[in-house]
Amino acid sequence: MSKFLDAGMTLAQVVACATVNASRVFPHLRDRGTLHVGARADLALLELRVGRFEFVDNYENIRRGGQRLFPRGTVLGGEWIPRAVEGVAG
């Protein structure tokens, strides 16, 4: 998701691609990607940091960006899922 930010997408576009847009494309995700009443409560809590970050592209080239999303927590089916290893960047 951070690479998409680096490519010029807005945060709203990046989040949509990883949530509601993905649920429209993949049949097994049809009930996901929404916060509608009655929907399954699956959430990824992310922190957007500004700084100097390096990313590796598909050709193993280093790209530099100014924003990166870091995982802060997960909720699956309405239940908080503790992180296995704190401080690991995503």
N, C-alpha and C. Protein backbone atom coordinates (compact mmCIF):
# COMPACT_ATOMS: atom_id res chain seq x y z
N MET A 1 0.83 -1.18 0.00
CA MET A 1 0.00 0.00 0.00
C MET A 1 0.88 1.25 0.00
N SER A 2 1.98 1.19 0.72
CA SER A 2 2.89 2.34 0.77
C SER A 2 3.48 2.63 -0.61
N LYS A 3 3.73 1.59 -1.38
CA LYS A 3 4.28 1.78 -2.73
C LYS A 3 3.28 2.52 -3.61
N PHE A 4 2.00 2.26 -3.42
CA PHE A 4 0.98 2.97 -4.19
C PHE A 4 0.95 4.45 -3.81
N LEU A 5 1.15 4.76 -2.53
CA LEU A 5 1.25 6.16 -2.12
C LEU A 5 2.43 6.82 -2.83
N ASP A 6 3.54 6.11 -2.86
CA ASP A 6 4.74 6.62 -3.53
C ASP A 6 4.50 6.82 -5.02
N ALA A 7 3.64 6.02 -5.61
CA ALA A 7 3.34 6.13 -7.04
C ALA A 7 2.38 7.27 -7.35
N GLY A 8 1.87 7.96 -6.32
CA GLY A 8 1.03 9.12 -6.55
C GLY A 8 -0.44 8.97 -6.21
N MET A 9 -0.85 7.78 -5.77
CA MET A 9 -2.24 7.61 -5.37
C MET A 9 -2.49 8.32 -4.05
N THR A 10 -3.72 8.79 -3.85
CA THR A 10 -4.08 9.39 -2.57
C THR A 10 -4.29 8.29 -1.54
N LEU A 11 -4.27 8.67 -0.26
CA LEU A 11 -4.52 7.69 0.79
C LEU A 11 -5.90 7.07 0.63
N ALA A 12 -6.90 7.86 0.27
CA ALA A 12 -8.26 7.34 0.07
C ALA A 12 -8.28 6.30 -1.06
N GLN A 13 -7.57 6.55 -2.15
CA GLN A 13 -7.52 5.60 -3.25
C GLN A 13 -6.83 4.30 -2.84
N VAL A 14 -5.75 4.42 -2.08
CA VAL A 14 -5.01 3.24 -1.63
C VAL A 14 -5.88 2.39 -0.72
N VAL A 15 -6.56 3.02 0.23
CA VAL A 15 -7.42 2.27 1.15
C VAL A 15 -8.56 1.61 0.38
N ALA A 16 -9.15 2.31 -0.58
CA ALA A 16 -10.23 1.73 -1.38
C ALA A 16 -9.74 0.50 -2.15
N CYS A 17 -8.53 0.58 -2.70
CA CYS A 17 -7.98 -0.56 -3.45
C CYS A 17 -7.81 -1.79 -2.57
N ALA A 18 -7.47 -1.58 -1.31
CA ALA A 18 -7.22 -2.69 -0.41
C ALA A 18 -8.48 -3.17 0.31
N THR A 19 -9.58 -2.47 0.14
CA THR A 19 -10.80 -2.83 0.88
C THR A 19 -11.96 -3.06 -0.08
N VAL A 20 -12.77 -2.05 -0.30
CA VAL A 20 -14.00 -2.19 -1.06
C VAL A 20 -13.74 -2.62 -2.51
N ASN A 21 -12.70 -2.09 -3.14
CA ASN A 21 -12.42 -2.50 -4.53
C ASN A 21 -12.01 -3.96 -4.60
N ALA A 22 -11.20 -4.41 -3.66
CA ALA A 22 -10.79 -5.82 -3.62
C ALA A 22 -12.00 -6.73 -3.41
N SER A 23 -12.93 -6.29 -2.57
CA SER A 23 -14.11 -7.13 -2.30
C SER A 23 -15.01 -7.24 -3.53
N ARG A 24 -14.95 -6.26 -4.40
CA ARG A 24 -15.75 -6.32 -5.64
C ARG A 24 -15.13 -7.26 -6.68
N VAL A 25 -13.81 -7.41 -6.65
CA VAL A 25 -13.10 -8.18 -7.66
C VAL A 25 -13.03 -9.66 -7.31
N PHE A 26 -12.79 -9.98 -6.03
CA PHE A 26 -12.57 -11.37 -5.62
C PHE A 26 -13.83 -11.93 -4.95
N PRO A 27 -14.44 -12.96 -5.54
CA PRO A 27 -15.69 -13.51 -5.01
C PRO A 27 -15.62 -13.91 -3.54
N HIS A 28 -14.50 -14.45 -3.08
CA HIS A 28 -14.42 -14.90 -1.69
C HIS A 28 -14.34 -13.71 -0.70
N LEU A 29 -14.25 -12.50 -1.20
CA LEU A 29 -14.21 -11.31 -0.34
C LEU A 29 -15.49 -10.48 -0.43
N ARG A 30 -16.54 -11.03 -1.01
CA ARG A 30 -17.77 -10.26 -1.26
C ARG A 30 -18.36 -9.62 -0.01
N ASP A 31 -18.20 -10.24 1.15
CA ASP A 31 -18.78 -9.70 2.38
C ASP A 31 -17.77 -8.86 3.16
N ARG A 32 -16.67 -8.48 2.53
CA ARG A 32 -15.60 -7.73 3.21
C ARG A 32 -15.45 -6.35 2.59
N GLY A 33 -14.64 -5.54 3.22
CA GLY A 33 -14.29 -4.24 2.66
C GLY A 33 -15.29 -3.14 2.93
N THR A 34 -16.16 -3.34 3.91
CA THR A 34 -17.17 -2.34 4.22
C THR A 34 -17.34 -2.23 5.73
N LEU A 35 -17.85 -1.10 6.17
CA LEU A 35 -18.18 -0.90 7.58
C LEU A 35 -19.68 -0.74 7.78
N HIS A 36 -20.46 -1.30 6.85
CA HIS A 36 -21.92 -1.22 6.96
C HIS A 36 -22.42 -1.97 8.18
N VAL A 37 -23.56 -1.55 8.71
CA VAL A 37 -24.18 -2.23 9.84
C VAL A 37 -24.43 -3.69 9.47
N GLY A 38 -24.02 -4.60 10.35
CA GLY A 38 -24.20 -6.03 10.14
C GLY A 38 -23.05 -6.70 9.41
N ALA A 39 -22.12 -5.90 8.89
CA ALA A 39 -20.97 -6.48 8.18
C ALA A 39 -19.98 -7.05 9.20
N ARG A 40 -19.21 -8.02 8.75
CA ARG A 40 -18.17 -8.60 9.58
C ARG A 40 -17.17 -7.52 9.95
N ALA A 41 -16.77 -7.45 11.20
CA ALA A 41 -15.86 -6.41 11.67
C ALA A 41 -14.41 -6.87 11.53
N ASP A 42 -13.86 -6.74 10.34
CA ASP A 42 -12.45 -7.01 10.07
C ASP A 42 -11.79 -5.68 9.77
N LEU A 43 -10.84 -5.29 10.59
CA LEU A 43 -10.19 -3.99 10.44
C LEU A 43 -8.69 -4.11 10.54
N ALA A 44 -8.01 -3.35 9.72
CA ALA A 44 -6.55 -3.19 9.84
C ALA A 44 -6.31 -1.75 10.26
N LEU A 45 -5.69 -1.56 11.39
CA LEU A 45 -5.38 -0.21 11.87
C LEU A 45 -3.98 0.15 11.40
N LEU A 46 -3.89 1.24 10.65
CA LEU A 46 -2.63 1.64 10.05
C LEU A 46 -2.22 3.02 10.53
N GLU A 47 -0.93 3.24 10.61
CA GLU A 47 -0.38 4.55 10.96
C GLU A 47 0.39 5.06 9.75
N LEU A 48 0.06 6.26 9.29
CA LEU A 48 0.77 6.87 8.18
C LEU A 48 1.89 7.73 8.75
N ARG A 49 3.11 7.39 8.36
CA ARG A 49 4.28 8.16 8.81
C ARG A 49 4.88 8.89 7.61
N VAL A 50 5.37 10.08 7.89
CA VAL A 50 6.05 10.88 6.88
C VAL A 50 7.53 10.85 7.20
N GLY A 51 8.36 10.65 6.19
CA GLY A 51 9.80 10.58 6.40
C GLY A 51 10.49 10.20 5.10
N ARG A 52 11.61 9.55 5.23
CA ARG A 52 12.36 9.06 4.07
C ARG A 52 12.40 7.54 4.15
N PHE A 53 11.76 6.89 3.17
CA PHE A 53 11.62 5.44 3.19
C PHE A 53 12.10 4.87 1.86
N GLU A 54 12.61 3.66 1.92
CA GLU A 54 13.03 2.96 0.71
C GLU A 54 12.10 1.78 0.46
N PHE A 55 11.77 1.58 -0.82
CA PHE A 55 10.94 0.47 -1.25
C PHE A 55 11.66 -0.26 -2.37
N VAL A 56 11.40 -1.54 -2.49
CA VAL A 56 11.97 -2.34 -3.58
C VAL A 56 10.86 -2.63 -4.57
N ASP A 57 11.09 -2.30 -5.85
CA ASP A 57 10.06 -2.55 -6.86
C ASP A 57 10.17 -3.98 -7.40
N ASN A 58 9.32 -4.31 -8.36
CA ASN A 58 9.28 -5.67 -8.91
C ASN A 58 10.55 -6.08 -9.63
N TYR A 59 11.38 -5.13 -9.98
CA TYR A 59 12.64 -5.41 -10.67
C TYR A 59 13.83 -5.29 -9.72
N GLU A 60 13.53 -5.25 -8.42
CA GLU A 60 14.52 -5.16 -7.34
C GLU A 60 15.30 -3.84 -7.35
N ASN A 61 14.69 -2.81 -7.93
CA ASN A 61 15.25 -1.46 -7.86
C ASN A 61 14.79 -0.79 -6.58
N ILE A 62 15.62 0.05 -6.03
CA ILE A 62 15.26 0.81 -4.83
C ILE A 62 14.54 2.08 -5.26
N ARG A 63 13.38 2.30 -4.67
CA ARG A 63 12.62 3.54 -4.88
C ARG A 63 12.51 4.23 -3.54
N ARG A 64 12.56 5.53 -3.54
CA ARG A 64 12.45 6.29 -2.30
C ARG A 64 11.12 7.01 -2.26
N GLY A 65 10.51 7.01 -1.08
CA GLY A 65 9.23 7.68 -0.92
C GLY A 65 9.19 8.47 0.37
N GLY A 66 8.20 9.32 0.49
CA GLY A 66 8.08 10.20 1.65
C GLY A 66 7.01 9.80 2.64
N GLN A 67 6.26 8.73 2.33
CA GLN A 67 5.19 8.27 3.23
C GLN A 67 5.23 6.75 3.31
N ARG A 68 4.85 6.23 4.47
CA ARG A 68 4.78 4.78 4.62
C ARG A 68 3.71 4.44 5.65
N LEU A 69 2.96 3.40 5.34
CA LEU A 69 1.94 2.90 6.27
C LEU A 69 2.54 1.79 7.12
N PHE A 70 2.29 1.86 8.42
CA PHE A 70 2.76 0.86 9.36
C PHE A 70 1.56 0.22 10.06
N PRO A 71 1.57 -1.10 10.23
CA PRO A 71 0.47 -1.76 10.93
C PRO A 71 0.49 -1.42 12.41
N ARG A 72 -0.68 -1.11 12.96
CA ARG A 72 -0.80 -0.79 14.38
C ARG A 72 -1.69 -1.78 15.12
N GLY A 73 -2.55 -2.46 14.40
CA GLY A 73 -3.42 -3.44 15.05
C GLY A 73 -4.38 -4.08 14.07
N THR A 74 -5.02 -5.16 14.53
CA THR A 74 -5.95 -5.91 13.69
C THR A 74 -7.17 -6.32 14.52
N VAL A 75 -8.33 -6.21 13.90
CA VAL A 75 -9.57 -6.70 14.48
C VAL A 75 -10.15 -7.69 13.46
N LEU A 76 -10.41 -8.92 13.89
CA LEU A 76 -11.01 -9.94 13.02
C LEU A 76 -12.31 -10.41 13.64
N GLY A 77 -13.39 -10.29 12.90
CA GLY A 77 -14.69 -10.71 13.40
C GLY A 77 -15.08 -10.00 14.69
N GLY A 78 -14.63 -8.75 14.83
CA GLY A 78 -14.95 -7.97 16.02
C GLY A 78 -14.03 -8.20 17.20
N GLU A 79 -13.04 -9.08 17.06
CA GLU A 79 -12.12 -9.41 18.15
C GLU A 79 -10.74 -8.82 17.90
N TRP A 80 -10.17 -8.15 18.92
CA TRP A 80 -8.82 -7.61 18.82
C TRP A 80 -7.82 -8.75 18.74
N ILE A 81 -6.91 -8.69 17.76
CA ILE A 81 -5.88 -9.71 17.59
C ILE A 81 -4.54 -9.09 18.01
N PRO A 82 -3.94 -9.60 19.08
CA PRO A 82 -2.66 -9.03 19.51
C PRO A 82 -1.58 -9.31 18.48
N ARG A 83 -0.66 -8.37 18.36
CA ARG A 83 0.45 -8.55 17.43
C ARG A 83 1.42 -9.56 17.99
N ALA A 84 1.91 -10.45 17.10
CA ALA A 84 2.86 -11.48 17.52
C ALA A 84 4.21 -10.86 17.85
N VAL A 85 4.64 -9.88 17.03
CA VAL A 85 5.93 -9.24 17.23
C VAL A 85 5.74 -7.73 17.12
N GLU A 86 5.95 -7.00 18.19
CA GLU A 86 5.81 -5.55 18.15
C GLU A 86 6.97 -4.93 17.41
N GLY A 87 6.72 -3.85 16.71
CA GLY A 87 7.78 -3.11 16.05
C GLY A 87 8.14 -3.59 14.66
N VAL A 88 7.46 -4.62 14.17
CA VAL A 88 7.75 -5.11 12.82
C VAL A 88 6.97 -4.26 11.83
N ALA A 89 7.67 -3.69 10.89
CA ALA A 89 7.02 -2.80 9.89
C ALA A 89 6.37 -3.62 8.79
N GLY A 90 5.29 -3.07 8.22
CA GLY A 90 4.61 -3.76 7.13
C GLY A 90 4.74 -3.05 5.83
